[in-house]
Structures are given as C-alpha cells and as structure tokens.
C-alpha cells in the first residue's frame, strides 16, 4: 500500500496503542450541540500481553497531527479472536483474544457534572442557594468566572480560552434591580448551558483538547467547503472562522429537502407567580410571509406555508420562567419559532415554516486542505459552505448554502499497523427544529450574501479575470511543429496580458480531442498560465484550453 493519505495515532491512558488496533472495525463519531460522540475500537492481543483496560480511562484520536477525538472508556469487552481454536495442546496454547473498548467523548461531562456551591462534601454551602447575578452580565463572563471555577468540578479542563462574551442570558434584560438566579444545586451542567444559550444561540461543546467552546455562531465558520466543481484554492492563515472561497471535492453525496419538522403554527404559554403580572400568558403565531418575503395573500403565486405544506403545529410551555414572564417574551418566542426572527429583528425568509436542506457527504482525510503544514480537518459544529453547480440555475449560478456539520463518523478503510493510509469521514450537514433562532438568522444572511454572487466566465476578450472563474482560451502561441509550450491570456487595454490558472483544473483540446494530463501535456507553470505538450503540435493544428483562472 502506498504511504499516502493520513497518519493516525490512537492512545489509551496516554499510551500509544495504534499498532494493536484492528482498523477495519474501528470508528469514532462526533456530534453537534454538545451531544456526546462515541467510539469503538478492537485491539488484537494474541499473546495475552495487553490490559487490563479500565473504564474511565481516556482515549484520544489524532489524524495528521490534529487531535480529532478525546473521551472516556465506558465499556470493556473481551472476545475470542477466532470462532474455533485448538485446545488439544493445553492451556498455554489458547491465547488469541481481543479487547473491545467503547466509550464517549468529553461532552458526556455536561450530563455527569452538577452545580454545587461548596468544594467540601461536608460544607454548609450545599444547603445554600447559589448567589444571584445581574441580568446585564454576559454569559461568557458568567461561565468563565462563576459557573466553571466556583460551581463545577472541572479540574484539567480549560474553560476560558475559547469562551466568548456572546450575549446576556436573557434577550431583553429586566430592570437592573431584579437579579437573575442560577439553576438550583444538583442541576446538571448541560441544563445551565442550555439556559445561557437559548436566546444568545451560542455554539458550545467540549473540544478534544479539553477546551470548552462557547462562541457566537458567526465565529464558527469553516475556512473551506465542498463543491462538485472544486477550485482547490489554498486556505491561508487568518481568521479561523472566515470562509475563504476554497472548495474541495467529496465522494458519495445525498441531498434531501426535509419538511418533516415544518412548524407554521406555534402556540406558546408563559407567565408565573414570580414574574410579570403573575398570570398565565399565551401567544399564537401563524406564518405571515411567504417564501419570497411577501405578506401572505393566499394567492397561487404566493401561497402561505399552511396552504403550500399543510398546517403543522408546535407548542411550548414556560411557566415560571423569567424570560417568559411578560407578554412580549411569549409573543416573540411564538413568532421566532415560525419566522426565524423575533420582533425587533429584520424579517427573515428562514424559519421552521419552510422545508430545509440536509446533505450527507463522504470524503477522505487527504481531501482536506493544508494550512501551515497541517490538514484543516472539519469538526462537528463548524458551519460549512456548499457549492453545487449540478443543483444550480446554470453554470454561473450554482446552489450555494451554508449548513452546520451536525454529525461526523470517522472510519478507517485502509490503514496499516502503524496508522498510515486512508481515513474516511462521513458527514451530515443540516439544521434541526431544536436549533436556536440565531443560527437560522445567520444562515439566512449567508444565503442572501451568496445569492447574488454569480460565478463569472473568462475568455481572451474579457479584459479582466476573477479568481475561480470558468476560463476558455486559445493560446497566445501558434502551433508550428516545434513549439511545445502554450499560454493563456486576456486582452487588457488593447494589450495581451498573461493570466494564471488554478493547478489541476485544466482541460486541453488539440484539434477537438481531449488531451490526457501528464501523459499528453503537463501544467508546467500555473502562475504563468503555461501548459507544455509532450509532442509539438503540427503546424495548422488548433488548441483550446479550459480552466479555472487566477485573478488578473
């Protein structure tokens, strides 16, 4: 097997166990929204020299020097290596056994750590209410300075580096004299994080490097995305949460427009004895705008979601919740469920009243681009941009959509005992009913931003060229039976100006016949726009070069 692809290292309790792993049966899975991912690995132990393996110990997965998974062993199984074995030579000859380790990633701690006030199990703090806090404090500040260091047991974890001050815990803070309360002692960590993020919409989870991640959705965008016509543009050092226009290829793909979680009629109850007027509050919202942003007129040209898809209801009750103690909070929640926006926000064409796209892609580790010598692998939670020309209006207007990577499974179709070979990623991209409204709002902005971005074409007469445009050229040089190198150009201000092409994107035709790269011609100078034939084309031949262009 060629030593290409990826390099994999798996550790147990800090010890490298890669050479013992049966990679054909190994898998690691990560998920969005702090849902615990899982893993399963089988270890060969032909001489009874491994183990014992203990639940609670940590397992890590590193791919191409990138830490991709970190978690705990929760199950240890032992198996015979073969369905039958020889037993006629005594006990000493029966040694071939397997260990199967299964477990979860660090996100399980959101369900295994609880709020408590005192670090001493005998302290009186366990009988005391957690101190209240100001509604104007940012959730990130509370997480870094109150929740994690004072009310949780998180030794060995970093809860400050990747935690941002996204927003206050409530969307419209009540009067500064009214303090907000933590959840009661004994509540699991996940519930408090969900309470903080229900209106801010922050993305939060524990990373494989044991860092708590709590950031705004717009700071979770991947540098690169996928396309059925990838430009393979290099990614560069810079903002780690900015899409840089780089698209790469994929393997199997399935796209589904899913209407199973449409909500176009929302009913919300709120109120409680300690909030607002103390009365029960109610609000109902049916969709008000169609998919084009027009006020619903129930016409065939602009049908409402209910007319188009049928009535699909959802209900929520928030009795005793401070955020829903006044009528405006209940009203906003009902509207935001259906429309994807609350009052005071710009009108959205995104919301649960519409069916949404979901994609499943497969790709290999060596498909990911390299940044500073390290592959920039995707991880669950990253917003990923998808360009599909096959699904677009035409070649100049591809379908462009941004979706979060919700689930990713890592498997190993071909690796040797040292962890060299091919790593496969299977990803599920999409939005779900439980996602915060800020995610819907941000994805809409990305869709509106790219909706008007046409992919340009370039020819010799274009005058200018943009990066990644579709180019079609005849070369500057004339075939004469001697010339082997030919270059593309555009006419800029009456003068021929050479331009470059993106490496790996050329299609060269000689007298109408498609030429084979490397065999019939080579891309000798992409930056200079030069290709070189192995054999000089005869005099009178015609050459046509198609490619994706560099800017010029």
Protein backbone atom coordinates (compact mmCIF):
# COMPACT_ATOMS: atom_id res chain seq x y z
CA UNK A 1 0.00 0.00 0.00
CA UNK A 2 1.32 3.43 -0.90
CA UNK A 3 2.26 5.61 2.03
CA UNK A 4 -0.16 8.38 1.15
CA UNK A 5 -3.31 9.64 2.77
CA UNK A 6 -3.24 10.23 6.51
CA UNK A 7 -1.36 9.30 9.65
CA UNK A 8 -3.40 8.09 12.62
CA UNK A 9 -2.43 7.79 16.30
CA UNK A 10 -4.74 6.28 18.95
CA UNK A 11 -3.85 6.41 22.65
CA UNK A 12 -5.27 4.80 25.78
CA UNK A 13 -4.45 6.46 29.11
CA UNK A 14 -1.59 8.31 27.38
CA UNK A 15 -0.08 5.15 25.80
CA UNK A 16 0.09 4.71 22.02
CA UNK A 17 -1.96 1.61 21.11
CA UNK A 18 -2.16 2.22 17.34
CA UNK A 19 -0.33 -0.95 16.33
CA UNK A 20 -2.82 -3.12 18.26
CA UNK A 21 -5.98 -1.63 16.71
CA UNK A 22 -7.99 -3.58 14.13
CA UNK A 23 -8.77 -0.56 11.97
CA UNK A 24 -11.37 -2.29 9.81
CA UNK A 25 -13.68 -2.43 12.86
CA UNK A 26 -12.77 0.94 14.45
CA UNK A 27 -14.98 4.04 14.33
CA UNK A 28 -15.19 7.42 16.05
CA UNK A 29 -18.20 9.73 15.94
CA UNK A 30 -18.66 13.38 16.88
CA UNK A 31 -21.87 15.41 17.04
CA UNK A 32 -23.13 18.98 17.07
CA UNK A 33 -24.79 20.76 20.03
CA UNK A 34 -22.63 19.08 22.70
CA UNK A 35 -24.28 15.70 22.10
CA UNK A 36 -21.77 13.09 23.29
CA UNK A 37 -19.95 11.35 20.47
CA UNK A 38 -18.98 7.67 20.66
CA UNK A 39 -16.12 5.37 19.70
CA UNK A 40 -15.41 1.68 19.37
CA UNK A 41 -12.02 0.04 18.81
CA UNK A 42 -10.93 -3.60 18.83
CA UNK A 43 -7.42 -4.47 19.99
CA UNK A 44 -5.53 -7.60 18.97
CA UNK A 45 -3.93 -9.41 21.91
CA UNK A 46 -2.52 -12.69 20.52
CA UNK A 47 -0.07 -13.24 23.37
CA UNK A 48 -2.19 -12.09 26.32
CA UNK A 49 0.16 -9.16 26.95
CA UNK A 50 -2.32 -6.29 26.80
CA UNK A 51 -4.61 -4.95 29.51
CA UNK A 52 -6.30 -4.94 31.78
CA UNK A 53 -8.24 -2.00 30.36
CA UNK A 54 -10.25 0.07 32.83
CA UNK A 55 -13.43 2.08 32.34
CA UNK A 56 -12.98 5.79 32.94
CA UNK A 57 -9.56 5.94 31.29
CA UNK A 58 -9.12 8.40 28.42
CA UNK A 59 -8.84 7.57 24.70
CA UNK A 60 -7.67 10.03 22.04
CA UNK A 61 -7.58 10.01 18.23
CA UNK A 62 -5.11 12.14 16.27
CA UNK A 63 -5.26 12.40 12.46
CA UNK A 64 -2.47 14.18 10.57
CA UNK A 65 -1.26 15.72 13.84
CA UNK A 66 -4.74 17.12 14.52
CA UNK A 67 -6.46 15.96 17.72
CA UNK A 68 -9.89 14.82 16.47
CA UNK A 69 -11.39 12.93 19.42
CA UNK A 70 -10.98 12.75 23.17
CA UNK A 71 -13.12 10.85 25.61
CA UNK A 72 -13.55 8.08 28.14
CA UNK A 73 -13.81 4.30 28.04
CA UNK A 74 -17.23 3.28 29.33
CA UNK A 75 -17.30 -0.40 28.32
CA UNK A 76 -14.57 -3.05 28.12
CA UNK A 77 -15.36 -6.36 26.42
CA UNK A 78 -13.17 -9.43 25.89
CA UNK A 79 -13.66 -11.78 22.95
CA UNK A 80 -12.06 -14.83 21.43
CA UNK A 81 -10.19 -13.91 18.27
CA UNK A 82 -11.48 -16.93 16.33
CA UNK A 83 -14.80 -18.78 16.31
CA UNK A 84 -12.85 -22.00 17.00
CA UNK A 85 -9.42 -22.64 18.50
CA UNK A 86 -7.24 -25.64 19.24
CA UNK A 87 -7.47 -26.90 22.79
CA UNK A 88 -5.59 -30.16 22.45
CA UNK A 89 -2.21 -28.64 23.31
CA UNK A 90 -3.12 -27.36 26.74
CA UNK A 91 -3.96 -24.02 28.29
CA UNK A 92 -0.69 -22.40 27.26
CA UNK A 93 -1.64 -22.58 23.56
CA UNK A 94 -5.01 -20.78 23.88
CA UNK A 95 -4.00 -17.12 23.87
CA UNK A 96 -5.65 -15.39 20.93
CA UNK A 97 -8.04 -12.87 22.46
CA UNK A 98 -9.46 -9.47 21.55
CA UNK A 99 -10.28 -6.41 23.64
CA UNK A 100 -13.19 -4.20 22.57
CA UNK A 101 -13.20 -0.68 24.02
CA UNK A 102 -16.29 1.51 23.72
CA UNK A 103 -16.89 4.95 25.09
CA UNK A 104 -18.00 8.55 24.72
CA UNK A 105 -16.28 11.88 24.15
CA UNK A 106 -15.78 14.63 26.73
CA UNK A 107 -19.24 16.10 26.06
CA UNK A 108 -20.63 13.43 28.37
CA UNK A 109 -19.46 15.68 31.21
CA UNK A 110 -22.37 18.02 30.56
CA UNK A 111 -24.51 15.20 31.96
CA UNK A 112 -22.02 14.00 34.58
CA UNK A 113 -21.15 17.27 36.37
CA UNK A 114 -23.67 19.04 38.60
CA UNK A 115 -23.89 22.53 40.04
CA UNK A 116 -22.78 22.73 43.68
CA UNK A 117 -21.77 25.63 45.90
CA UNK A 118 -19.08 24.15 48.11
CA UNK A 119 -15.98 22.12 47.29
CA UNK A 120 -16.37 20.22 50.55
CA UNK A 121 -18.96 17.47 50.72
CA UNK A 122 -19.45 18.40 54.38
CA UNK A 123 -19.66 22.14 53.77
CA UNK A 124 -22.75 24.10 54.61
CA UNK A 125 -22.70 25.59 51.12
CA UNK A 126 -24.62 22.59 49.84
CA UNK A 127 -27.63 23.86 51.78
CA UNK A 128 -27.33 27.42 50.43
CA UNK A 129 -28.86 28.95 47.32
CA UNK A 130 -26.32 29.94 44.66
CA UNK A 131 -25.82 33.74 44.66
CA UNK A 132 -27.90 35.68 42.14
CA UNK A 133 -26.30 37.71 39.34
CA UNK A 134 -27.02 40.86 37.35
CA UNK A 135 -29.04 40.40 34.13
CA UNK A 136 -26.59 42.68 32.31
CA UNK A 137 -23.64 40.32 32.77
CA UNK A 138 -22.56 38.42 29.68
CA UNK A 139 -23.00 34.65 29.61
CA UNK A 140 -19.34 34.15 28.71
CA UNK A 141 -18.25 36.16 31.73
CA UNK A 142 -20.51 34.09 33.98
CA UNK A 143 -19.17 30.82 32.54
CA UNK A 144 -15.51 31.79 32.91
CA UNK A 145 -15.65 33.49 36.29
CA UNK A 146 -18.58 31.95 38.14
CA UNK A 147 -20.05 28.75 36.75
CA UNK A 148 -16.95 26.70 35.92
CA UNK A 149 -14.49 27.72 38.65
CA UNK A 150 -16.98 28.01 41.53
CA UNK A 151 -19.92 25.70 40.90
CA UNK A 152 -18.47 22.77 38.90
CA UNK A 153 -15.68 20.21 39.31
CA UNK A 154 -13.64 20.72 36.11
CA UNK A 155 -10.03 20.09 37.07
CA UNK A 156 -7.87 19.59 33.99
CA UNK A 157 -10.20 21.43 31.60
CA UNK A 158 -9.72 24.88 30.05
CA UNK A 159 -12.92 26.93 30.34
CA UNK A 160 -11.54 30.37 29.44
CA UNK A 161 -9.51 30.33 26.18
CA UNK A 162 -12.38 29.60 23.76
CA UNK A 163 -15.24 31.14 25.75
CA UNK A 164 -16.60 34.43 24.36
CA UNK A 165 -18.97 37.04 25.78
CA UNK A 166 -21.67 36.32 23.21
CA UNK A 167 -24.72 37.91 24.87
CA UNK A 168 -26.53 38.28 28.22
CA UNK A 169 -28.51 35.21 29.36
CA UNK A 170 -31.82 36.95 28.55
CA UNK A 171 -32.64 38.87 25.33
CA UNK A 172 -34.18 41.92 26.99
CA UNK A 173 -32.70 42.25 30.49
CA UNK A 174 -35.20 43.24 33.12
CA UNK A 175 -34.61 46.21 35.38
CA UNK A 176 -31.11 46.19 36.87
CA UNK A 177 -32.61 45.93 40.36
CA UNK A 178 -34.02 42.49 39.56
CA UNK A 179 -31.28 39.84 39.82
CA UNK A 180 -31.29 36.57 37.91
CA UNK A 181 -30.86 33.18 39.55
CA UNK A 182 -28.74 30.17 38.73
CA UNK A 183 -30.44 26.85 38.43
CA UNK A 184 -30.67 25.01 41.73
CA UNK A 185 -27.86 22.92 43.14
CA UNK A 186 -27.81 19.39 41.75
CA UNK A 187 -28.80 20.53 38.25
CA UNK A 188 -26.63 19.01 35.54
CA UNK A 189 -24.18 21.29 33.74
CA UNK A 190 -26.00 20.84 30.41
CA UNK A 191 -29.19 22.45 31.72
CA UNK A 192 -27.34 25.59 32.80
CA UNK A 193 -25.57 25.85 29.43
CA UNK A 194 -28.87 25.43 27.60
CA UNK A 195 -30.36 28.18 29.75
CA UNK A 196 -27.49 30.55 28.87
CA UNK A 197 -27.63 29.83 25.14
CA UNK A 198 -31.38 29.62 24.48
CA UNK A 199 -31.52 33.25 23.34
CA UNK A 200 -27.88 34.03 22.51
CA UNK A 201 -27.70 30.96 20.28
CA UNK A 202 -24.03 30.37 21.08
CA UNK A 203 -22.39 27.21 19.84
CA UNK A 204 -20.98 25.26 22.79
CA UNK A 205 -19.26 21.92 23.34
CA UNK A 206 -16.05 20.43 24.77
CA UNK A 207 -13.26 20.05 22.24
CA UNK A 208 -10.90 17.03 22.07
CA UNK A 209 -8.16 19.21 23.60
CA UNK A 210 -10.32 19.61 26.74
CA UNK A 211 -11.22 23.22 25.98
CA UNK A 212 -14.79 24.40 26.50
CA UNK A 213 -16.01 26.08 23.29
CA UNK A 214 -18.65 28.82 23.69
CA UNK A 215 -18.76 31.21 20.76
CA UNK A 216 -21.16 33.10 18.53
CA UNK A 217 -22.41 31.22 15.51
CA UNK A 218 -20.71 33.59 13.08
CA UNK A 219 -17.36 32.70 14.67
CA UNK A 220 -17.80 29.03 13.84
CA UNK A 221 -17.47 29.18 10.04
CA UNK A 222 -15.07 26.80 8.30
CA UNK A 223 -12.31 28.23 6.09
CA UNK A 224 -13.23 25.83 3.27
CA UNK A 225 -16.24 24.00 1.88
CA UNK A 226 -17.39 21.41 -0.64
CA UNK A 227 -18.22 21.63 -4.33
CA UNK A 228 -18.98 19.34 -7.26
CA UNK A 229 -16.58 21.58 -9.23
CA UNK A 230 -13.89 22.20 -6.60
CA UNK A 231 -11.45 25.05 -7.16
CA UNK A 232 -8.92 23.63 -4.65
CA UNK A 233 -7.94 27.15 -3.71
CA UNK A 234 -5.37 27.12 -0.89
CA UNK A 235 -6.51 28.33 2.51
CA UNK A 236 -4.35 30.90 4.24
CA UNK A 237 -3.52 31.92 7.77
CA UNK A 238 -6.04 34.40 9.09
CA UNK A 239 -9.41 34.42 10.77
CA UNK A 240 -10.13 30.81 11.69
CA UNK A 241 -13.86 31.46 11.30
CA UNK A 242 -13.95 33.03 7.83
CA UNK A 243 -14.85 31.16 4.64
CA UNK A 244 -12.03 31.86 2.19
CA UNK A 245 -13.74 30.75 -1.01
CA UNK A 246 -11.88 27.44 -1.07
CA UNK A 247 -13.87 24.40 -2.17
CA UNK A 248 -12.78 20.78 -2.30
CA UNK A 249 -14.31 17.59 -3.62
CA UNK A 250 -16.31 14.85 -1.95
CA UNK A 251 -17.28 11.23 -2.52
CA UNK A 252 -20.83 9.97 -2.14
CA UNK A 253 -23.45 12.67 -1.70
CA UNK A 254 -27.15 12.71 -0.87
CA UNK A 255 -29.20 15.91 -0.68
CA UNK A 256 -32.67 15.96 0.89
CA UNK A 257 -35.13 18.82 1.22
CA UNK A 258 -36.72 17.84 4.52
CA UNK A 259 -40.16 19.11 5.53
CA UNK A 260 -40.66 16.71 8.44
CA UNK A 261 -40.07 19.40 11.06
CA UNK A 262 -42.04 22.27 9.49
CA UNK A 263 -43.81 24.48 12.03
CA UNK A 264 -46.13 27.13 10.62
CA UNK A 265 -48.46 27.48 13.61
CA UNK A 266 -46.82 27.99 17.03
CA UNK A 267 -48.62 28.15 20.40
CA UNK A 268 -46.68 29.34 23.45
CA UNK A 269 -47.77 29.64 27.09
CA UNK A 270 -45.85 31.51 29.80
CA UNK A 271 -46.24 33.51 32.98
CA UNK A 272 -45.97 32.50 36.60
CA UNK A 273 -46.42 33.68 40.20
CA UNK A 274 -42.97 35.30 40.41
CA UNK A 275 -42.80 37.04 37.04
CA UNK A 276 -44.72 39.83 35.33
CA UNK A 277 -48.37 40.06 36.41
CA UNK A 278 -48.40 36.56 37.85
CA UNK A 279 -51.00 35.47 35.30
CA UNK A 280 -50.89 32.80 32.62
CA UNK A 281 -49.85 34.29 29.27
CA UNK A 282 -50.44 32.98 25.76
CA UNK A 283 -49.47 33.79 22.19
CA UNK A 284 -50.11 32.10 18.86
CA UNK A 285 -48.35 32.83 15.60
CA UNK A 286 -49.15 31.55 12.13
CA UNK A 287 -46.84 32.31 9.21
CA UNK A 288 -47.20 35.85 7.92
CA UNK A 289 -44.86 35.92 4.93
CA UNK A 290 -44.35 33.51 2.06
CA UNK A 291 -41.06 32.05 0.86
CA UNK A 292 -40.39 35.22 -1.16
CA UNK A 293 -40.80 37.59 1.78
CA UNK A 294 -44.22 38.89 0.68
CA UNK A 295 -47.10 39.33 3.11
CA UNK A 296 -49.28 36.28 2.72
CA UNK A 297 -52.10 36.90 0.28
CA UNK A 298 -53.13 33.28 -0.21
CA UNK A 299 -52.68 33.54 -3.96
CA UNK A 300 -51.43 30.73 -6.21
CA UNK A 301 -48.32 32.79 -6.96
CA UNK A 302 -47.52 33.42 -3.30
CA UNK A 303 -49.07 30.71 -1.13
CA UNK A 304 -48.59 30.67 2.60
CA UNK A 305 -46.71 27.84 4.23
CA UNK A 306 -50.00 26.40 5.52
CA UNK A 307 -51.53 26.47 2.03
CA UNK A 308 -48.41 25.04 0.49
CA UNK A 309 -47.47 22.36 3.04
CA UNK A 310 -50.48 21.95 5.35
CA UNK A 311 -50.85 23.01 8.99
CA UNK A 312 -48.04 21.85 11.28
CA UNK A 313 -48.29 22.97 14.90
CA UNK A 314 -45.84 23.12 17.80
CA UNK A 315 -46.47 24.14 21.42
CA UNK A 316 -44.23 25.23 24.30
CA UNK A 317 -44.96 25.96 27.97
CA UNK A 318 -42.68 28.18 30.04
CA UNK A 319 -44.49 28.68 33.33
CA UNK A 320 -42.31 30.29 35.98
CA UNK A 321 -39.53 31.15 33.54
CA UNK A 322 -38.36 34.76 33.94
CA UNK A 323 -37.80 35.11 30.19
CA UNK A 324 -41.50 34.41 29.55
CA UNK A 325 -43.00 36.28 32.48
CA UNK A 326 -44.24 39.15 30.32
CA UNK A 327 -46.41 39.08 27.21
CA UNK A 328 -43.69 40.36 24.88
CA UNK A 329 -41.43 37.40 25.69
CA UNK A 330 -44.17 34.87 24.92
CA UNK A 331 -45.15 36.72 21.72
CA UNK A 332 -41.57 36.89 20.48
CA UNK A 333 -40.99 33.20 21.08
CA UNK A 334 -44.07 32.19 19.07
CA UNK A 335 -43.06 34.38 16.16
CA UNK A 336 -39.44 33.30 16.20
CA UNK A 337 -40.37 29.60 16.02
CA UNK A 338 -42.27 30.12 12.78
CA UNK A 339 -40.50 33.03 11.13
CA UNK A 340 -36.93 32.56 12.33
CA UNK A 341 -36.92 36.07 13.82
CA UNK A 342 -38.37 37.90 16.80
CA UNK A 343 -39.80 41.40 16.95
CA UNK A 344 -37.06 43.97 16.63
CA UNK A 345 -35.16 41.69 14.25
CA UNK A 346 -35.11 42.02 10.48
CA UNK A 347 -37.69 39.92 8.64
CA UNK A 348 -36.38 36.50 7.70
CA UNK A 349 -37.06 34.17 4.82
CA UNK A 350 -35.67 31.43 7.02
CA UNK A 351 -37.69 29.65 9.66
CA UNK A 352 -39.39 26.44 10.57
CA UNK A 353 -42.25 27.21 8.18
CA UNK A 354 -40.01 26.10 5.31
CA UNK A 355 -38.53 22.70 4.49
CA UNK A 356 -34.75 22.72 4.88
CA UNK A 357 -31.85 21.14 3.02
CA UNK A 358 -29.85 18.32 4.54
CA UNK A 359 -26.71 16.88 2.98
CA UNK A 360 -24.64 13.78 3.53
CA UNK A 361 -21.09 13.77 2.17
CA UNK A 362 -18.20 11.35 2.34
CA UNK A 363 -14.58 12.45 1.96
CA UNK A 364 -11.12 11.22 2.86
CA UNK A 365 -8.59 12.77 5.18
CA UNK A 366 -6.26 13.67 2.33
CA UNK A 367 -9.11 15.65 0.68
CA UNK A 368 -8.85 18.34 3.38
CA UNK A 369 -6.66 21.36 2.52
CA UNK A 370 -3.36 22.02 4.27
CA UNK A 371 -2.67 25.11 6.38
CA UNK A 372 0.88 25.68 7.64
CA UNK A 373 1.72 22.02 7.04
CA UNK A 374 -1.34 20.74 8.97
CA UNK A 375 -4.58 19.50 7.41
CA UNK A 376 -7.54 21.68 8.33
CA UNK A 377 -9.97 18.88 9.20
CA UNK A 378 -13.63 19.72 9.79
CA UNK A 379 -15.16 19.10 13.21
CA UNK A 380 -18.82 18.92 14.29
CA UNK A 381 -20.26 22.36 14.96
CA UNK A 382 -18.43 24.09 12.13
CA UNK A 383 -20.62 25.94 9.61
CA UNK A 384 -19.65 24.66 6.17
CA UNK A 385 -20.27 26.27 2.78
CA UNK A 386 -21.52 24.04 -0.05
CA UNK A 387 -21.36 24.97 -3.78
CA UNK A 388 -23.27 22.66 -6.14
CA UNK A 389 -23.32 23.53 -9.84
CA UNK A 390 -25.43 20.49 -10.68
CA UNK A 391 -28.26 21.83 -8.48
CA UNK A 392 -27.93 25.47 -9.60
CA UNK A 393 -29.79 27.52 -12.19
CA UNK A 394 -26.88 27.36 -14.64
CA UNK A 395 -23.08 27.20 -14.65
CA UNK A 396 -22.85 30.80 -13.49
CA UNK A 397 -25.31 30.47 -10.62
CA UNK A 398 -24.62 27.39 -8.51
CA UNK A 399 -26.65 26.42 -5.48
CA UNK A 400 -24.77 27.93 -2.53
CA UNK A 401 -25.78 27.09 1.01
CA UNK A 402 -24.14 27.16 4.45
CA UNK A 403 -25.03 24.48 6.99
CA UNK A 404 -23.57 23.19 10.25
CA UNK A 405 -21.76 19.86 10.35
CA UNK A 406 -24.08 18.02 12.74
CA UNK A 407 -22.58 14.56 12.80
CA UNK A 408 -19.29 13.11 11.61
CA UNK A 409 -18.21 9.48 11.62
CA UNK A 410 -14.54 8.56 11.18
CA UNK A 411 -13.64 5.12 9.88
CA UNK A 412 -10.51 3.51 8.50
CA UNK A 413 -10.99 1.57 5.25
CA UNK A 414 -7.26 1.11 4.71
CA UNK A 415 -4.58 1.64 7.35
CA UNK A 416 -1.56 -0.40 8.35
CA UNK A 417 -0.49 -1.27 11.91
CA UNK A 418 1.45 2.00 12.16
CA UNK A 419 -1.61 4.10 11.30
CA UNK A 420 -0.62 5.04 7.74
CA UNK A 421 -3.23 5.02 4.99
CA UNK A 422 -6.70 6.27 4.30
CA UNK A 423 -9.21 7.77 6.74
CA UNK A 424 -12.83 8.21 5.70
CA UNK A 425 -15.16 10.92 7.01
CA UNK A 426 -18.95 10.67 6.66
CA UNK A 427 -20.68 13.95 7.49
CA UNK A 428 -24.28 15.02 7.95
CA UNK A 429 -24.99 18.74 7.36
CA UNK A 430 -28.31 20.40 8.15
CA UNK A 431 -30.50 22.39 10.52
CA UNK A 432 -32.93 20.93 13.01
CA UNK A 433 -36.02 22.10 14.85
CA UNK A 434 -34.11 22.43 18.12
CA UNK A 435 -31.54 24.87 16.72
CA UNK A 436 -31.54 28.42 18.17
CA UNK A 437 -33.08 31.22 16.16
CA UNK A 438 -29.72 32.98 15.87
CA UNK A 439 -28.44 30.06 13.80
CA UNK A 440 -31.38 30.43 11.42
CA UNK A 441 -30.78 34.19 11.19
CA UNK A 442 -27.10 33.79 10.44
CA UNK A 443 -27.65 31.11 7.80
CA UNK A 444 -30.16 33.37 6.07
CA UNK A 445 -27.63 36.19 5.93
CA UNK A 446 -25.11 33.82 4.38
CA UNK A 447 -27.70 32.69 1.84
CA UNK A 448 -28.65 36.26 0.91
CA UNK A 449 -24.97 37.17 0.68
CA UNK A 450 -24.16 34.43 -1.79
CA UNK A 451 -27.44 34.52 -3.72
CA UNK A 452 -26.24 37.41 -5.88
CA UNK A 453 -22.69 36.14 -6.32
CA UNK A 454 -22.52 34.88 -9.89
CA UNK A 455 -19.59 32.69 -10.93
CA UNK A 456 -18.05 34.56 -13.84
CA UNK A 457 -16.60 33.24 -17.08
CA UNK A 458 -13.44 34.48 -18.77
CA UNK A 459 -12.17 34.39 -22.38
CA UNK A 460 -9.39 36.05 -24.35
CA UNK A 461 -11.56 39.13 -24.88
CA UNK A 462 -12.70 39.52 -21.25
CA UNK A 463 -10.28 42.27 -20.22
CA UNK A 464 -10.25 41.12 -16.59
CA UNK A 465 -10.35 37.81 -14.75
CA UNK A 466 -11.56 36.96 -11.26
CA UNK A 467 -10.26 34.14 -9.13
CA UNK A 468 -12.03 30.84 -9.81
CA UNK A 469 -13.89 31.97 -12.95
CA UNK A 470 -14.51 29.48 -15.76
CA UNK A 471 -11.96 30.21 -18.48
CA UNK A 472 -11.96 29.19 -22.16
CA UNK A 473 -8.96 30.31 -24.25
CA UNK A 474 -6.98 29.82 -27.41
CA UNK A 475 -3.26 30.20 -26.64
CA UNK A 476 -1.02 33.13 -27.44
CA UNK A 477 1.38 30.91 -29.39
CA UNK A 478 0.72 29.34 -32.82
CA UNK A 479 1.45 25.63 -33.39
CA UNK A 480 4.30 25.19 -35.87
CA UNK A 481 5.52 21.64 -35.30
CA UNK A 482 8.29 22.86 -32.97
CA UNK A 483 6.56 24.87 -30.22
CA UNK A 484 5.61 22.76 -27.17
CA UNK A 485 4.68 25.42 -24.56
CA UNK A 486 1.46 27.43 -24.86
CA UNK A 487 -0.01 30.10 -22.59
CA UNK A 488 -3.42 31.63 -21.94
CA UNK A 489 -4.05 35.38 -21.98
CA UNK A 490 -6.65 38.13 -21.95
CA UNK A 491 -6.65 41.42 -23.84
CA UNK A 492 -6.34 44.20 -21.28
CA UNK A 493 -6.46 47.77 -22.60
CA UNK A 494 -5.55 46.56 -26.06
CA UNK A 495 -2.52 44.58 -24.93
CA UNK A 496 -2.19 40.82 -24.45
CA UNK A 497 -1.74 40.05 -20.73
CA UNK A 498 -0.92 36.58 -19.47
CA UNK A 499 -3.00 35.19 -16.61
CA UNK A 500 -2.62 32.13 -14.43
CA UNK A 501 -4.84 29.11 -13.86
CA UNK A 502 -5.57 27.07 -10.77
CA UNK A 503 -3.44 23.95 -10.75
CA UNK A 504 -5.30 20.75 -11.54
CA UNK A 505 -8.23 22.45 -13.33
CA UNK A 506 -7.07 22.48 -16.97
CA UNK A 507 -8.79 20.71 -19.86
CA UNK A 508 -6.75 20.88 -23.06
CA UNK A 509 -8.15 20.08 -26.53
CA UNK A 510 -5.98 19.51 -29.61
CA UNK A 511 -7.94 19.55 -32.87
CA UNK A 512 -11.05 18.79 -30.84
CA UNK A 513 -9.57 15.82 -28.98
CA UNK A 514 -9.33 15.95 -25.17
CA UNK A 515 -5.70 15.55 -24.09
CA UNK A 516 -4.58 13.49 -21.10
CA UNK A 517 -2.86 15.43 -18.31
CA UNK A 518 0.69 14.25 -17.51
CA UNK A 519 0.61 11.85 -20.49
CA UNK A 520 -0.10 14.27 -23.38
CA UNK A 521 0.66 17.55 -21.60
CA UNK A 522 1.77 18.93 -18.23
CA UNK A 523 0.84 22.00 -16.22
CA UNK A 524 4.35 23.41 -16.23
CA UNK A 525 3.63 26.94 -14.91
CA UNK A 526 0.13 27.53 -13.47
CA UNK A 527 1.00 31.05 -12.27
CA UNK A 528 2.17 31.98 -15.78
CA UNK A 529 -0.73 30.21 -17.46
CA UNK A 530 1.58 27.82 -19.35
CA UNK A 531 0.96 24.20 -20.36
CA UNK A 532 3.52 22.07 -22.22
CA UNK A 533 2.81 19.27 -24.71
CA UNK A 534 4.92 16.13 -24.72
CA UNK A 535 4.95 16.22 -28.53
CA UNK A 536 4.89 19.50 -30.51
CA UNK A 537 1.50 20.02 -32.21
CA UNK A 538 1.76 20.07 -36.00
CA UNK A 539 1.50 23.29 -37.96
CA UNK A 540 -2.10 24.21 -38.66
CA UNK A 541 -3.40 22.50 -35.50
CA UNK A 542 -5.79 24.34 -33.20
CA UNK A 543 -5.63 24.31 -29.40
CA UNK A 544 -8.35 25.14 -26.89
CA UNK A 545 -7.66 25.44 -23.15
CA UNK A 546 -10.36 25.38 -20.47
CA UNK A 547 -9.50 26.04 -16.81
CA UNK A 548 -10.36 27.87 -13.59
CA UNK A 549 -8.47 31.16 -13.64
CA UNK A 550 -6.37 33.08 -11.19
CA UNK A 551 -7.24 36.75 -10.70
CA UNK A 552 -5.91 39.22 -13.23
